[in-house]
């Protein structure tokens, strides 16, 4: 079970995955060796699954971010869209959603021409109808991200239930 210190460690790593055990230890009030052991246990338990670099998409030449709602043309087709999209590097996220669409895709492309080409490939490869959110362009509804504000790395874990809810004890 996770205790309050585990949640504080996870929060610290979400803010800075490159923080040293000593830095985290000072923040959470434990020794560096205790933090190291807890991080190893959190990794083994599947609480911490990966460490990633956050990159600037524009530095990679990806200037267009769009959200695309995807619905199968044939409701009887297998629900395997994420597998069919695996080789499309432009698709950054594929979210299964409730509502009019089955999935929302977050995509990044070099240009609007590249986005148009990606949409063509999506229609062909995935057998889906697409709806792009946002600006009305020739009857297509599009959402293009103008700015992106990441709140997840700064998110505090404090809003999760306390350890007593999981059968643990506060220290």
Protein backbone atom coordinates (compact mmCIF):
# COMPACT_ATOMS: atom_id res chain seq x y z
CA UNK A 1 0.00 0.00 0.00
CA UNK A 2 1.13 3.54 -0.70
CA UNK A 3 1.67 5.80 2.25
CA UNK A 4 1.95 9.58 2.39
CA UNK A 5 5.72 9.51 1.81
CA UNK A 6 5.32 7.31 -1.27
CA UNK A 7 2.82 9.83 -2.66
CA UNK A 8 5.26 12.67 -1.92
CA UNK A 9 8.05 10.78 -3.72
CA UNK A 10 5.83 10.16 -6.74
CA UNK A 11 4.85 13.84 -6.78
CA UNK A 12 8.51 14.90 -6.64
CA UNK A 13 9.42 12.57 -9.51
CA UNK A 14 6.49 13.79 -11.61
CA UNK A 15 7.81 17.32 -11.23
CA UNK A 16 11.43 16.35 -11.95
CA UNK A 17 12.23 12.76 -12.89
CA UNK A 18 15.95 13.64 -12.83
CA UNK A 19 15.92 14.74 -9.18
CA UNK A 20 18.51 12.93 -7.10
CA UNK A 21 17.52 10.66 -4.25
CA UNK A 22 19.17 13.19 -1.92
CA UNK A 23 17.02 16.03 -3.31
CA UNK A 24 13.85 13.98 -2.91
CA UNK A 25 14.94 12.84 0.55
CA UNK A 26 15.33 16.43 1.73
CA UNK A 27 11.88 17.23 0.39
CA UNK A 28 10.07 14.28 1.96
CA UNK A 29 12.03 13.95 5.19
CA UNK A 30 13.73 10.59 4.60
CA UNK A 31 17.28 9.45 3.96
CA UNK A 32 18.48 9.11 0.37
CA UNK A 33 18.81 5.33 0.81
CA UNK A 34 15.20 5.10 2.05
CA UNK A 35 14.01 7.09 -0.97
CA UNK A 36 16.04 4.83 -3.28
CA UNK A 37 14.49 1.71 -1.75
CA UNK A 38 10.97 3.18 -1.96
CA UNK A 39 11.48 4.17 -5.61
CA UNK A 40 12.65 0.62 -6.42
CA UNK A 41 9.51 -0.75 -4.71
CA UNK A 42 7.27 1.74 -6.55
CA UNK A 43 8.84 0.64 -9.84
CA UNK A 44 8.46 -3.07 -8.99
CA UNK A 45 4.80 -2.52 -8.02
CA UNK A 46 4.08 -0.79 -11.33
CA UNK A 47 3.30 2.58 -9.73
CA UNK A 48 6.23 4.15 -11.59
CA UNK A 49 6.22 2.71 -15.10
CA UNK A 50 8.66 4.93 -17.01
CA UNK A 51 10.80 8.03 -17.04
CA UNK A 52 10.52 10.28 -20.10
CA UNK A 53 12.02 13.43 -21.51
CA UNK A 54 9.54 16.19 -22.28
CA UNK A 55 10.55 17.78 -25.58
CA UNK A 56 9.51 20.92 -27.41
CA UNK A 57 7.59 19.74 -30.51
CA UNK A 58 8.49 22.91 -32.42
CA UNK A 59 12.19 22.18 -31.87
CA UNK A 60 11.49 18.92 -33.73
CA UNK A 61 9.73 20.77 -36.57
CA UNK A 62 6.21 19.84 -35.46
CA UNK A 63 4.33 23.14 -35.63
CA UNK A 64 0.71 21.92 -35.86
CA UNK A 65 -1.12 20.18 -33.02
CA UNK A 66 -4.65 18.93 -33.68
CA UNK A 67 -7.28 16.83 -31.92
CA UNK A 68 -9.14 14.40 -34.16
CA UNK A 69 -12.31 12.57 -33.17
CA UNK A 70 -12.44 9.07 -34.67
CA UNK A 71 -15.50 6.86 -35.16
CA UNK A 72 -15.49 3.52 -37.04
CA UNK A 73 -17.36 3.62 -40.35
CA UNK A 74 -18.66 0.12 -39.57
CA UNK A 75 -19.67 -0.35 -35.92
CA UNK A 76 -19.22 -4.11 -36.42
CA UNK A 77 -15.49 -3.80 -37.18
CA UNK A 78 -13.03 -4.91 -34.47
CA UNK A 79 -12.14 -2.28 -31.88
CA UNK A 80 -8.42 -2.37 -32.69
CA UNK A 81 -7.78 1.24 -33.69
CA UNK A 82 -4.81 1.76 -31.32
CA UNK A 83 -3.02 -1.21 -32.90
CA UNK A 84 -3.74 0.07 -36.42
CA UNK A 85 -2.28 3.48 -35.52
CA UNK A 86 0.93 2.13 -33.97
CA UNK A 87 3.08 2.91 -37.02
CA UNK A 88 1.85 6.51 -37.43
CA UNK A 89 4.47 8.62 -35.62
CA UNK A 90 2.28 11.73 -35.82
CA UNK A 91 -0.23 10.21 -33.37
CA UNK A 92 0.97 11.27 -29.92
CA UNK A 93 -2.03 10.09 -27.90
CA UNK A 94 -5.04 7.89 -28.58
CA UNK A 95 -7.78 8.27 -25.98
CA UNK A 96 -10.81 5.98 -25.78
CA UNK A 97 -13.76 8.25 -25.01
CA UNK A 98 -17.50 8.15 -24.41
CA UNK A 99 -19.76 10.32 -26.54
CA UNK A 100 -20.12 10.89 -30.26
CA UNK A 101 -16.65 9.55 -31.10
CA UNK A 102 -14.92 6.35 -30.02
CA UNK A 103 -11.45 7.89 -29.83
CA UNK A 104 -9.77 11.28 -29.71
CA UNK A 105 -6.33 11.42 -31.30
CA UNK A 106 -3.76 14.06 -30.42
CA UNK A 107 -1.54 14.49 -33.44
CA UNK A 108 1.46 16.68 -34.25
CA UNK A 109 2.51 17.52 -37.79
CA UNK A 110 4.95 19.81 -39.58
CA UNK A 111 2.24 21.78 -41.39
CA UNK A 112 -1.44 21.82 -42.27
CA UNK A 113 -0.54 20.06 -45.54
CA UNK A 114 1.11 17.31 -43.48
CA UNK A 115 -2.03 17.17 -41.30
CA UNK A 116 -4.20 16.78 -44.41
CA UNK A 117 -1.97 13.94 -45.62
CA UNK A 118 -2.17 12.28 -42.19
CA UNK A 119 -5.98 12.51 -42.26
CA UNK A 120 -5.98 10.79 -45.66
CA UNK A 121 -3.78 8.00 -44.29
CA UNK A 122 -6.03 7.65 -41.22
CA UNK A 123 -9.13 7.26 -43.40
CA UNK A 124 -7.42 4.63 -45.55
CA UNK A 125 -5.62 2.69 -42.85
CA UNK A 126 -8.13 2.78 -40.04
CA UNK A 127 -11.45 2.66 -41.94
CA UNK A 128 -12.84 5.49 -39.84
CA UNK A 129 -14.75 8.70 -40.23
CA UNK A 130 -12.92 11.69 -38.85
CA UNK A 131 -14.03 14.90 -37.29
CA UNK A 132 -11.41 17.50 -36.60
CA UNK A 133 -12.34 19.93 -33.85
CA UNK A 134 -12.02 23.68 -33.95
CA UNK A 135 -12.03 26.30 -36.65
CA UNK A 136 -14.68 25.79 -39.33
CA UNK A 137 -12.80 25.21 -42.56
CA UNK A 138 -14.88 24.08 -45.55
CA UNK A 139 -17.43 22.36 -43.33
CA UNK A 140 -14.81 20.54 -41.25
CA UNK A 141 -14.73 21.34 -37.55
CA UNK A 142 -11.15 21.71 -36.36
CA UNK A 143 -9.37 22.31 -33.07
CA UNK A 144 -5.81 23.42 -33.58
CA UNK A 145 -3.78 24.05 -30.47
CA UNK A 146 -2.40 27.57 -30.42
CA UNK A 147 -0.56 27.13 -27.12
CA UNK A 148 -0.04 24.11 -24.89
CA UNK A 149 0.01 24.34 -21.12
CA UNK A 150 1.16 21.20 -19.37
CA UNK A 151 -0.32 20.83 -15.91
CA UNK A 152 0.46 17.18 -15.26
CA UNK A 153 4.13 17.49 -14.24
CA UNK A 154 3.19 20.10 -11.64
CA UNK A 155 0.13 18.19 -10.44
CA UNK A 156 0.20 17.36 -6.80
CA UNK A 157 -0.84 13.94 -5.66
CA UNK A 158 -2.47 15.43 -2.56
CA UNK A 159 -5.94 15.09 -4.08
CA UNK A 160 -5.67 11.30 -4.07
CA UNK A 161 -7.18 9.47 -1.12
CA UNK A 162 -4.94 9.37 1.93
CA UNK A 163 -3.15 6.17 2.95
CA UNK A 164 -5.80 5.39 5.56
CA UNK A 165 -8.25 4.89 2.69
CA UNK A 166 -5.97 2.15 1.39
CA UNK A 167 -5.60 0.54 4.80
CA UNK A 168 -2.29 2.25 5.52
CA UNK A 169 -1.42 4.54 8.38
CA UNK A 170 -0.28 8.15 8.45
CA UNK A 171 3.15 8.80 9.96
